[in-house]
Amino acid sequence: MFKGSSSLFWILFFNLSLVLVCLSPADPPV
C-alpha cells in the first residue's frame, strides 16, 4: 500500500545522506 511512498522516502534519505557526506569536511566513512 505504501510501496511508492517508501521508495520515495528511501530516495530522499539517500540524497540527504549524500549531501551530508559532501558537506562534511572529514573523509566519508567507507
PDB file of N, CA and C in Angstrom:
ATOM      1  N   MET A   1       0.832  -1.197   0.000  1.00  0.00           N
ATOM      2  CA  MET A   1       0.000   0.000   0.000  1.00  0.00           C
ATOM      3  C   MET A   1       0.875   1.258   0.000  1.00  0.00           C
ATOM      4  N   PHE A   2       1.931   1.250   0.819  1.00  0.00           N
ATOM      5  CA  PHE A   2       2.826   2.413   0.888  1.00  0.00           C
ATOM      6  C   PHE A   2       4.127   2.160   0.126  1.00  0.00           C
ATOM      7  N   LYS A   3       4.053   1.303  -0.891  1.00  0.00           N
ATOM      8  CA  LYS A   3       5.279   0.932  -1.603  1.00  0.00           C
ATOM      9  C   LYS A   3       5.902   2.162  -2.279  1.00  0.00           C
ATOM     10  N   GLY A   4       5.080   2.934  -2.997  1.00  0.00           N
ATOM     11  CA  GLY A   4       5.609   4.118  -3.681  1.00  0.00           C
ATOM     12  C   GLY A   4       6.162   5.139  -2.691  1.00  0.00           C
ATOM     13  N   SER A   5       5.450   5.354  -1.592  1.00  0.00           N
ATOM     14  CA  SER A   5       5.892   6.335  -0.606  1.00  0.00           C
ATOM     15  C   SER A   5       7.203   5.897   0.032  1.00  0.00           C
ATOM     16  N   SER A   6       7.333   4.607   0.329  1.00  0.00           N
ATOM     17  CA  SER A   6       8.544   4.131   0.993  1.00  0.00           C
ATOM     18  C   SER A   6       9.736   4.257   0.050  1.00  0.00           C
ATOM     19  N   SER A   7       9.532   3.959  -1.233  1.00  0.00           N
ATOM     20  CA  SER A   7      10.646   4.068  -2.187  1.00  0.00           C
ATOM     21  C   SER A   7      11.054   5.534  -2.321  1.00  0.00           C
ATOM     22  N   LEU A   8      10.076   6.437  -2.363  1.00  0.00           N
ATOM     23  CA  LEU A   8      10.377   7.865  -2.453  1.00  0.00           C
ATOM     24  C   LEU A   8      11.125   8.319  -1.203  1.00  0.00           C
ATOM     25  N   PHE A   9      10.714   7.806  -0.035  1.00  0.00           N
ATOM     26  CA  PHE A   9      11.380   8.150   1.222  1.00  0.00           C
ATOM     27  C   PHE A   9      12.830   7.720   1.198  1.00  0.00           C
ATOM     28  N   TRP A  10      13.085   6.500   0.709  1.00  0.00           N
ATOM     29  CA  TRP A  10      14.474   5.994   0.672  1.00  0.00           C
ATOM     30  C   TRP A  10      15.318   6.814  -0.292  1.00  0.00           C
ATOM     31  N   ILE A  11      14.717   7.251  -1.421  1.00  0.00           N
ATOM     32  CA  ILE A  11      15.460   8.076  -2.385  1.00  0.00           C
ATOM     33  C   ILE A  11      15.840   9.405  -1.737  1.00  0.00           C
ATOM     34  N   LEU A  12      14.888  10.021  -1.037  1.00  0.00           N
ATOM     35  CA  LEU A  12      15.170  11.301  -0.380  1.00  0.00           C
ATOM     36  C   LEU A  12      16.206  11.115   0.723  1.00  0.00           C
ATOM     37  N   PHE A  13      16.111  10.015   1.472  1.00  0.00           N
ATOM     38  CA  PHE A  13      17.056   9.746   2.558  1.00  0.00           C
ATOM     39  C   PHE A  13      18.461   9.545   1.998  1.00  0.00           C
ATOM     40  N   PHE A  14      18.558   8.816   0.868  1.00  0.00           N
ATOM     41  CA  PHE A  14      19.858   8.571   0.241  1.00  0.00           C
ATOM     42  C   PHE A  14      20.469   9.881  -0.238  1.00  0.00           C
ATOM     43  N   ASN A  15      19.638  10.737  -0.862  1.00  0.00           N
ATOM     44  CA  ASN A  15      20.135  12.031  -1.340  1.00  0.00           C
ATOM     45  C   ASN A  15      20.598  12.889  -0.164  1.00  0.00           C
ATOM     46  N   LEU A  16      19.855  12.872   0.926  1.00  0.00           N
ATOM     47  CA  LEU A  16      20.222  13.666   2.092  1.00  0.00           C
ATOM     48  C   LEU A  16      21.550  13.189   2.662  1.00  0.00           C
ATOM     49  N   SER A  17      21.741  11.863   2.715  1.00  0.00           N
ATOM     50  CA  SER A  17      22.999  11.326   3.247  1.00  0.00           C
ATOM     51  C   SER A  17      24.158  11.728   2.340  1.00  0.00           C
ATOM     52  N   LEU A  18      23.932  11.740   1.020  1.00  0.00           N
ATOM     53  CA  LEU A  18      24.995  12.150   0.093  1.00  0.00           C
ATOM     54  C   LEU A  18      25.350  13.613   0.327  1.00  0.00           C
ATOM     55  N   VAL A  19      24.338  14.450   0.538  1.00  0.00           N
ATOM     56  CA  VAL A  19      24.586  15.879   0.777  1.00  0.00           C
ATOM     57  C   VAL A  19      25.381  16.062   2.067  1.00  0.00           C
ATOM     58  N   LEU A  20      25.015  15.319   3.114  1.00  0.00           N
ATOM     59  CA  LEU A  20      25.725  15.439   4.388  1.00  0.00           C
ATOM     60  C   LEU A  20      27.178  15.008   4.232  1.00  0.00           C
ATOM     61  N   VAL A  21      27.419  13.948   3.458  1.00  0.00           N
ATOM     62  CA  VAL A  21      28.791  13.468   3.249  1.00  0.00           C
ATOM     63  C   VAL A  21      29.588  14.504   2.462  1.00  0.00           C
ATOM     64  N   CYS A  22      28.947  15.118   1.453  1.00  0.00           N
ATOM     65  CA  CYS A  22      29.648  16.119   0.638  1.00  0.00           C
ATOM     66  C   CYS A  22      29.966  17.364   1.472  1.00  0.00           C
ATOM     67  N   LEU A  23      29.052  17.754   2.356  1.00  0.00           N
ATOM     68  CA  LEU A  23      29.270  18.949   3.171  1.00  0.00           C
ATOM     69  C   LEU A  23      30.226  18.669   4.331  1.00  0.00           C
ATOM     70  N   SER A  24      30.349  17.396   4.693  1.00  0.00           N
ATOM     71  CA  SER A  24      31.223  17.045   5.815  1.00  0.00           C
ATOM     72  C   SER A  24      32.684  17.271   5.444  1.00  0.00           C
ATOM     73  N   PRO A  25      33.458  17.994   6.281  1.00  0.00           N
ATOM     74  CA  PRO A  25      34.869  18.266   5.989  1.00  0.00           C
ATOM     75  C   PRO A  25      35.723  17.003   6.104  1.00  0.00           C
ATOM     76  N   ALA A  26      35.291  16.070   6.926  1.00  0.00           N
ATOM     77  CA  ALA A  26      36.063  14.836   7.111  1.00  0.00           C
ATOM     78  C   ALA A  26      35.805  13.875   5.955  1.00  0.00           C
ATOM     79  N   ASP A  27      36.692  12.893   5.806  1.00  0.00           N
ATOM     80  CA  ASP A  27      36.509  11.909   4.743  1.00  0.00           C
ATOM     81  C   ASP A  27      35.300  11.041   5.057  1.00  0.00           C
ATOM     82  N   PRO A  28      34.538  10.647   4.044  1.00  0.00           N
ATOM     83  CA  PRO A  28      33.358   9.809   4.268  1.00  0.00           C
ATOM     84  C   PRO A  28      33.751   8.427   4.768  1.00  0.00           C
ATOM     85  N   PRO A  29      33.076   7.918   5.801  1.00  0.00           N
ATOM     86  CA  PRO A  29      33.381   6.584   6.329  1.00  0.00           C
ATOM     87  C   PRO A  29      33.032   5.511   5.309  1.00  0.00           C
ATOM     88  N   VAL A  30      34.043   4.797   4.843  1.00  0.00           N
ATOM     89  CA  VAL A  30      33.793   3.770   3.836  1.00  0.00           C
ATOM     90  C   VAL A  30      33.829   2.392   4.491  1.00  0.00           C
TER      91      VAL A  30
END
